[in-house]
Every structure is written in structure tokens, then in C-alpha cells.
C-alpha atoms as a PDB file:
ATOM      1  CA  UNK A   1       0.000   0.000   0.000  1.00  0.00           C
ATOM      2  CA  UNK A   2       2.849   2.341   0.867  1.00  0.00           C
ATOM      3  CA  UNK A   3       4.461   1.756  -2.525  1.00  0.00           C
ATOM      4  CA  UNK A   4       1.320   2.919  -4.326  1.00  0.00           C
ATOM      5  CA  UNK A   5       1.282   6.108  -2.261  1.00  0.00           C
ATOM      6  CA  UNK A   6       4.882   6.893  -3.248  1.00  0.00           C
ATOM      7  CA  UNK A   7       4.212   6.107  -6.881  1.00  0.00           C
ATOM      8  CA  UNK A   8       1.177   8.419  -6.834  1.00  0.00           C
ATOM      9  CA  UNK A   9       3.163  11.241  -5.240  1.00  0.00           C
ATOM     10  CA  UNK A  10       5.961  10.844  -7.799  1.00  0.00           C
ATOM     11  CA  UNK A  11       3.511  10.928 -10.701  1.00  0.00           C
ATOM     12  CA  UNK A  12       1.812  14.061  -9.363  1.00  0.00           C
ATOM     13  CA  UNK A  13       5.135  15.819  -8.899  1.00  0.00           C
ATOM     14  CA  UNK A  14       6.347  14.802 -12.345  1.00  0.00           C
ATOM     15  CA  UNK A  15       3.117  16.054 -13.891  1.00  0.00           C
ATOM     16  CA  UNK A  16       3.335  19.346 -12.030  1.00  0.00           C
ATOM     17  CA  UNK A  17       6.939  19.770 -13.121  1.00  0.00           C
ATOM     18  CA  UNK A  18       5.980  19.174 -16.736  1.00  0.00           C
ATOM     19  CA  UNK A  19       3.116  21.659 -16.446  1.00  0.00           C
ATOM     20  CA  UNK A  20       5.392  24.281 -14.922  1.00  0.00           C
ATOM     21  CA  UNK A  21       7.962  23.696 -17.674  1.00  0.00           C
ATOM     22  CA  UNK A  22       5.274  24.106 -20.355  1.00  0.00           C
ATOM     23  CA  UNK A  23       4.028  27.348 -18.804  1.00  0.00           C
ATOM     24  CA  UNK A  24       7.453  28.957 -18.659  1.00  0.00           C
ATOM     25  CA  UNK A  25       7.479  29.031 -22.443  1.00  0.00           C
ATOM     26  CA  UNK A  26      10.984  27.674 -22.618  1.00  0.00           C
ATOM     27  CA  UNK A  27      12.148  27.671 -26.147  1.00  0.00           C
ATOM     28  CA  UNK A  28      10.197  30.851 -26.965  1.00  0.00           C
ATOM     29  CA  UNK A  29      12.719  33.612 -27.260  1.00  0.00           C
ATOM     30  CA  UNK A  30      10.025  36.244 -27.822  1.00  0.00           C
ATOM     31  CA  UNK A  31      11.723  37.400 -30.989  1.00  0.00           C
ATOM     32  CA  UNK A  32       8.517  37.270 -32.973  1.00  0.00           C
ATOM     33  CA  UNK A  33       9.923  34.845 -35.512  1.00  0.00           C
ATOM     34  CA  UNK A  34       7.924  32.448 -37.600  1.00  0.00           C
ATOM     35  CA  UNK A  35       6.923  29.182 -35.969  1.00  0.00           C
ATOM     36  CA  UNK A  36       8.338  26.501 -38.262  1.00  0.00           C
ATOM     37  CA  UNK A  37       5.722  23.876 -37.403  1.00  0.00           C
ATOM     38  CA  UNK A  38       2.660  26.000 -38.242  1.00  0.00           C
ATOM     39  CA  UNK A  39       3.963  28.669 -40.605  1.00  0.00           C
ATOM     40  CA  UNK A  40       2.124  31.382 -38.672  1.00  0.00           C
ATOM     41  CA  UNK A  41       3.795  34.739 -38.248  1.00  0.00           C
ATOM     42  CA  UNK A  42       3.761  35.815 -34.643  1.00  0.00           C
ATOM     43  CA  UNK A  43       1.955  39.002 -33.695  1.00  0.00           C
ATOM     44  CA  UNK A  44       5.147  40.919 -32.851  1.00  0.00           C
ATOM     45  CA  UNK A  45       6.063  40.956 -36.536  1.00  0.00           C
ATOM     46  CA  UNK A  46       2.912  42.762 -37.667  1.00  0.00           C
ATOM     47  CA  UNK A  47       1.690  46.287 -37.111  1.00  0.00           C
ATOM     48  CA  UNK A  48      -1.974  46.771 -36.148  1.00  0.00           C
ATOM     49  CA  UNK A  49      -2.817  47.687 -39.744  1.00  0.00           C
ATOM     50  CA  UNK A  50      -1.032  44.600 -41.052  1.00  0.00           C
ATOM     51  CA  UNK A  51      -2.936  42.438 -38.555  1.00  0.00           C
ATOM     52  CA  UNK A  52      -6.241  43.828 -39.832  1.00  0.00           C
ATOM     53  CA  UNK A  53      -5.151  43.290 -43.440  1.00  0.00           C
ATOM     54  CA  UNK A  54      -4.117  39.691 -42.679  1.00  0.00           C
ATOM     55  CA  UNK A  55      -7.408  39.056 -40.873  1.00  0.00           C
ATOM     56  CA  UNK A  56      -9.376  40.376 -43.848  1.00  0.00           C
ATOM     57  CA  UNK A  57      -7.333  38.172 -46.186  1.00  0.00           C
ATOM     58  CA  UNK A  58      -8.184  35.142 -44.048  1.00  0.00           C
ATOM     59  CA  UNK A  59     -11.850  36.161 -44.175  1.00  0.00           C
ATOM     60  CA  UNK A  60     -11.775  36.476 -47.980  1.00  0.00           C
ATOM     61  CA  UNK A  61     -10.129  33.045 -48.266  1.00  0.00           C
ATOM     62  CA  UNK A  62     -12.728  31.576 -45.897  1.00  0.00           C
ATOM     63  CA  UNK A  63     -15.602  32.958 -47.972  1.00  0.00           C
ATOM     64  CA  UNK A  64     -14.038  31.558 -51.126  1.00  0.00           C
ATOM     65  CA  UNK A  65     -13.573  28.181 -49.419  1.00  0.00           C
ATOM     66  CA  UNK A  66     -17.213  28.172 -48.332  1.00  0.00           C
ATOM     67  CA  UNK A  67     -18.345  28.780 -51.917  1.00  0.00           C
ATOM     68  CA  UNK A  68     -16.073  26.018 -53.279  1.00  0.00           C
ATOM     69  CA  UNK A  69     -17.285  23.482 -50.746  1.00  0.00           C
ATOM     70  CA  UNK A  70     -20.895  24.518 -51.406  1.00  0.00           C
ATOM     71  CA  UNK A  71     -20.439  23.833 -55.132  1.00  0.00           C
ATOM     72  CA  UNK A  72     -18.810  20.469 -54.322  1.00  0.00           C
ATOM     73  CA  UNK A  73     -21.806  19.691 -52.105  1.00  0.00           C
ATOM     74  CA  UNK A  74     -24.272  20.633 -54.848  1.00  0.00           C
ATOM     75  CA  UNK A  75     -22.426  18.367 -57.292  1.00  0.00           C
ATOM     76  CA  UNK A  76     -22.510  15.451 -54.826  1.00  0.00           C
ATOM     77  CA  UNK A  77     -26.262  16.000 -54.350  1.00  0.00           C
ATOM     78  CA  UNK A  78     -26.841  15.954 -58.125  1.00  0.00           C
ATOM     79  CA  UNK A  79     -24.923  12.673 -58.323  1.00  0.00           C
ATOM     80  CA  UNK A  80     -26.952  11.253 -55.429  1.00  0.00           C
ATOM     81  CA  UNK A  81     -23.783  10.367 -53.505  1.00  0.00           C
ATOM     82  CA  UNK A  82     -25.072  10.222 -49.926  1.00  0.00           C
ATOM     83  CA  UNK A  83     -21.693   9.457 -48.349  1.00  0.00           C
ATOM     84  CA  UNK A  84     -19.992  12.432 -49.969  1.00  0.00           C
ATOM     85  CA  UNK A  85     -22.986  14.724 -49.279  1.00  0.00           C
ATOM     86  CA  UNK A  86     -22.796  13.879 -45.576  1.00  0.00           C
ATOM     87  CA  UNK A  87     -19.056  14.535 -45.426  1.00  0.00           C
ATOM     88  CA  UNK A  88     -19.176  17.806 -47.368  1.00  0.00           C
ATOM     89  CA  UNK A  89     -22.208  19.045 -45.448  1.00  0.00           C
ATOM     90  CA  UNK A  90     -20.312  18.532 -42.193  1.00  0.00           C
ATOM     91  CA  UNK A  91     -17.256  20.411 -43.501  1.00  0.00           C
ATOM     92  CA  UNK A  92     -19.406  23.259 -44.854  1.00  0.00           C
ATOM     93  CA  UNK A  93     -21.174  23.594 -41.503  1.00  0.00           C
ATOM     94  CA  UNK A  94     -17.815  23.859 -39.719  1.00  0.00           C
ATOM     95  CA  UNK A  95     -16.497  26.367 -42.273  1.00  0.00           C
ATOM     96  CA  UNK A  96     -19.562  28.581 -41.897  1.00  0.00           C
ATOM     97  CA  UNK A  97     -19.430  28.412 -38.087  1.00  0.00           C
ATOM     98  CA  UNK A  98     -15.743  29.377 -38.130  1.00  0.00           C
ATOM     99  CA  UNK A  99     -16.593  32.143 -40.615  1.00  0.00           C
ATOM    100  CA  UNK A 100     -19.136  33.679 -38.219  1.00  0.00           C
ATOM    101  CA  UNK A 101     -16.599  33.484 -35.394  1.00  0.00           C
ATOM    102  CA  UNK A 102     -13.986  35.071 -37.653  1.00  0.00           C
ATOM    103  CA  UNK A 103     -16.285  38.006 -38.438  1.00  0.00           C
ATOM    104  CA  UNK A 104     -16.837  38.641 -34.729  1.00  0.00           C
ATOM    105  CA  UNK A 105     -13.103  38.417 -34.036  1.00  0.00           C
ATOM    106  CA  UNK A 106     -12.261  40.841 -36.842  1.00  0.00           C
ATOM    107  CA  UNK A 107     -14.730  43.342 -35.383  1.00  0.00           C
ATOM    108  CA  UNK A 108     -13.055  42.915 -31.983  1.00  0.00           C
ATOM    109  CA  UNK A 109      -9.610  43.295 -33.579  1.00  0.00           C
ATOM    110  CA  UNK A 110     -10.653  46.548 -35.247  1.00  0.00           C
ATOM    111  CA  UNK A 111     -12.151  47.840 -32.002  1.00  0.00           C
ATOM    112  CA  UNK A 112      -8.986  46.925 -30.060  1.00  0.00           C
ATOM    113  CA  UNK A 113      -6.895  48.716 -32.693  1.00  0.00           C
ATOM    114  CA  UNK A 114      -9.074  51.824 -32.416  1.00  0.00           C
ATOM    115  CA  UNK A 115      -8.817  51.876 -28.612  1.00  0.00           C
ATOM    116  CA  UNK A 116      -5.058  51.104 -28.751  1.00  0.00           C
ATOM    117  CA  UNK A 117      -5.491  48.026 -26.557  1.00  0.00           C
ATOM    118  CA  UNK A 118      -2.407  46.075 -27.623  1.00  0.00           C
ATOM    119  CA  UNK A 119      -2.968  43.001 -25.464  1.00  0.00           C
ATOM    120  CA  UNK A 120      -6.547  42.542 -26.648  1.00  0.00           C
ATOM    121  CA  UNK A 121      -5.532  43.225 -30.254  1.00  0.00           C
ATOM    122  CA  UNK A 122      -2.788  40.581 -30.091  1.00  0.00           C
ATOM    123  CA  UNK A 123      -5.171  38.107 -28.481  1.00  0.00           C
ATOM    124  CA  UNK A 124      -7.785  38.620 -31.193  1.00  0.00           C
ATOM    125  CA  UNK A 125      -5.160  38.269 -33.905  1.00  0.00           C
ATOM    126  CA  UNK A 126      -3.902  35.041 -32.332  1.00  0.00           C
ATOM    127  CA  UNK A 127      -7.444  33.620 -32.370  1.00  0.00           C
ATOM    128  CA  UNK A 128      -7.865  34.771 -35.987  1.00  0.00           C
ATOM    129  CA  UNK A 129      -4.592  33.046 -36.928  1.00  0.00           C
ATOM    130  CA  UNK A 130      -5.801  29.797 -35.362  1.00  0.00           C
ATOM    131  CA  UNK A 131      -9.083  30.113 -37.271  1.00  0.00           C
ATOM    132  CA  UNK A 132      -7.010  30.540 -40.445  1.00  0.00           C
ATOM    133  CA  UNK A 133      -5.223  27.272 -39.686  1.00  0.00           C
ATOM    134  CA  UNK A 134      -8.598  25.609 -39.096  1.00  0.00           C
ATOM    135  CA  UNK A 135      -9.794  26.795 -42.514  1.00  0.00           C
ATOM    136  CA  UNK A 136      -6.702  25.278 -44.123  1.00  0.00           C
ATOM    137  CA  UNK A 137      -7.371  21.944 -42.414  1.00  0.00           C
ATOM    138  CA  UNK A 138     -11.070  22.027 -43.307  1.00  0.00           C
ATOM    139  CA  UNK A 139     -10.142  22.642 -46.938  1.00  0.00           C
ATOM    140  CA  UNK A 140      -7.919  19.540 -46.901  1.00  0.00           C
ATOM    141  CA  UNK A 141     -10.681  17.532 -45.216  1.00  0.00           C
ATOM    142  CA  UNK A 142     -13.297  18.663 -47.749  1.00  0.00           C
ATOM    143  CA  UNK A 143     -11.015  17.676 -50.626  1.00  0.00           C
ATOM    144  CA  UNK A 144     -10.593  14.241 -49.053  1.00  0.00           C
ATOM    145  CA  UNK A 145     -14.337  13.542 -48.801  1.00  0.00           C
ATOM    146  CA  UNK A 146     -14.825  10.344 -50.730  1.00  0.00           C
ATOM    147  CA  UNK A 147     -18.087   9.106 -52.068  1.00  0.00           C
ATOM    148  CA  UNK A 148     -19.968   5.897 -52.577  1.00  0.00           C
ATOM    149  CA  UNK A 149     -18.011   5.133 -55.726  1.00  0.00           C
ATOM    150  CA  UNK A 150     -15.056   4.144 -53.549  1.00  0.00           C
ATOM    151  CA  UNK A 151     -17.159   1.419 -51.958  1.00  0.00           C
ATOM    152  CA  UNK A 152     -18.918   0.092 -55.062  1.00  0.00           C
ATOM    153  CA  UNK A 153     -17.611  -3.141 -56.458  1.00  0.00           C
ATOM    154  CA  UNK A 154     -19.221  -2.708 -59.855  1.00  0.00           C
ATOM    155  CA  UNK A 155     -21.139  -5.359 -61.763  1.00  0.00           C
ATOM    156  CA  UNK A 156     -20.542  -8.797 -60.359  1.00  0.00           C
ATOM    157  CA  UNK A 157     -20.801 -12.126 -62.125  1.00  0.00           C
ATOM    158  CA  UNK A 158     -21.026 -15.477 -60.375  1.00  0.00           C
ATOM    159  CA  UNK A 159     -19.598 -18.496 -62.157  1.00  0.00           C
ATOM    160  CA  UNK A 160     -20.325 -21.958 -60.774  1.00  0.00           C
ATOM    161  CA  UNK A 161     -18.102 -24.840 -61.780  1.00  0.00           C
ATOM    162  CA  UNK A 162     -19.258 -28.371 -60.937  1.00  0.00           C
ATOM    163  CA  UNK A 163     -16.629 -31.043 -60.601  1.00  0.00           C
ATOM    164  CA  UNK A 164     -17.324 -33.742 -63.189  1.00  0.00           C
ATOM    165  CA  UNK A 165     -16.384 -36.373 -60.596  1.00  0.00           C
ATOM    166  CA  UNK A 166     -19.003 -35.151 -58.144  1.00  0.00           C
ATOM    167  CA  UNK A 167     -21.694 -37.685 -57.260  1.00  0.00           C
ATOM    168  CA  UNK A 168     -25.027 -37.362 -58.976  1.00  0.00           C
ATOM    169  CA  UNK A 169     -28.394 -38.016 -57.475  1.00  0.00           C
ATOM    170  CA  UNK A 170     -29.550 -37.484 -53.891  1.00  0.00           C
ATOM    171  CA  UNK A 171     -26.435 -37.257 -51.728  1.00  0.00           C
ATOM    172  CA  UNK A 172     -28.449 -36.866 -48.526  1.00  0.00           C
ATOM    173  CA  UNK A 173     -29.229 -40.598 -48.500  1.00  0.00           C
ATOM    174  CA  UNK A 174     -26.343 -42.451 -46.970  1.00  0.00           C
ATOM    175  CA  UNK A 175     -25.735 -45.701 -48.630  1.00  0.00           C
ATOM    176  CA  UNK A 176     -23.013 -47.989 -49.757  1.00  0.00           C
ATOM    177  CA  UNK A 177     -20.400 -45.758 -51.391  1.00  0.00           C
ATOM    178  CA  UNK A 178     -19.456 -48.621 -53.615  1.00  0.00           C
ATOM    179  CA  UNK A 179     -16.638 -49.826 -51.426  1.00  0.00           C
ATOM    180  CA  UNK A 180     -18.610 -52.742 -49.997  1.00  0.00           C
ATOM    181  CA  UNK A 181     -18.492 -51.212 -46.518  1.00  0.00           C
ATOM    182  CA  UNK A 182     -21.503 -49.733 -44.820  1.00  0.00           C
ATOM    183  CA  UNK A 183     -21.045 -46.405 -43.053  1.00  0.00           C
ATOM    184  CA  UNK A 184     -22.531 -46.397 -39.587  1.00  0.00           C
ATOM    185  CA  UNK A 185     -24.681 -43.453 -38.574  1.00  0.00           C
ATOM    186  CA  UNK A 186     -23.831 -42.003 -35.171  1.00  0.00           C
ATOM    187  CA  UNK A 187     -26.404 -39.583 -33.789  1.00  0.00           C
ATOM    188  CA  UNK A 188     -25.120 -36.431 -32.144  1.00  0.00           C
ATOM    189  CA  UNK A 189     -24.584 -36.631 -28.391  1.00  0.00           C
ATOM    190  CA  UNK A 190     -27.612 -35.792 -26.282  1.00  0.00           C
ATOM    191  CA  UNK A 191     -27.500 -32.525 -24.444  1.00  0.00           C
ATOM    192  CA  UNK A 192     -27.188 -32.711 -20.679  1.00  0.00           C
ATOM    193  CA  UNK A 193     -29.508 -29.707 -20.417  1.00  0.00           C
ATOM    194  CA  UNK A 194     -33.204 -30.409 -20.764  1.00  0.00           C
END
């Protein structure tokens, strides 16, 4: 019992240490450089006007994406491809929801720029940047929506080949197979449950 208590304490301390390490932001030099894993320019690199311009560009791209996915959805409906319609409808719903959020965030970004609230402006731009990444992922997902045609096997044809050496007649009647030996019939064992 004592061993489990020590193991639990060690795990809690290790978890807290990892959390504290993550919160210190080690590895972030604050230089405002580009994050190599996401390709997003950090807010320190952009002026307030550039942030607004970038946000509006993301909004324009999002509206264009919504229109493209809507036309893909219409095409899938015309083809009667239920699987693809379901997938594209889900992606379009997410794109439109993110688009409404983006509009609200751009309004907040513009208001924060007008009031010279740098912290709020940077926060709004960070959220807008994440929404931009979400749009990129949703575009990939929408392009990967596959339809029923991937699951169709096409026209099938069954060919039955009967062995010419197969017995003819009623094979359910057990008889002398021609070997001169009779085959005994053993009934299945009786169940011990009544």
C-alpha cells in the first residue's frame, strides 16, 4: 500500500513539473519569428494595420472556401452520392461556423486597434490566426471527402463450376459408397440440459 502512495506522489510531482515547464514558455525567445511547425507569423512581426489586413485576407479566403465546398456539395447531391454529401455538409457547416466566429473576431480586432489596446488586439489576432489554420485543415478535409463510388464493387458475375467427378443423385441418402463397406450413422450426443 505504501508503494502505491509513493508512486502516486511521484507521478503528481512529475506532472506538475511538466506543467510548470510548459508554462514557462521555454524555447520561446520572444523574438517574434515564424513558428516553423505551423507557418504562422507571430503578432510581434505585424503592425496593427497589417494584422487587420491579414485578418481580412483570411476572411476572404474563408468565404471563397465556403463557396467552393458549397459547389462540391451541390455536385454530390446531383450525383446522389449520400456518403460524400454527408461529409461535405459537415465540412461546410464547420467552415460557416468558423466564418461567423472570424467576423466577430475581426470586429473585436478593429475595435482593439481603435482603442489602442495592444494586449486585446494581439489576443484577437492570435485567435484569428488559429481560425485561419482551421480553414486550411477544413479545406484539406473537404477535398478528401470520398463518395460511394469508392465502396462500389461494380457489376458482379457469379460463375459456378461443378466437378465432373461429383456424385449425382440425392447425396443426402447415406448408402453404400461402392466400397462394400456400410457407413454407420452415429447420432449427435444428447444434451445434458433439458
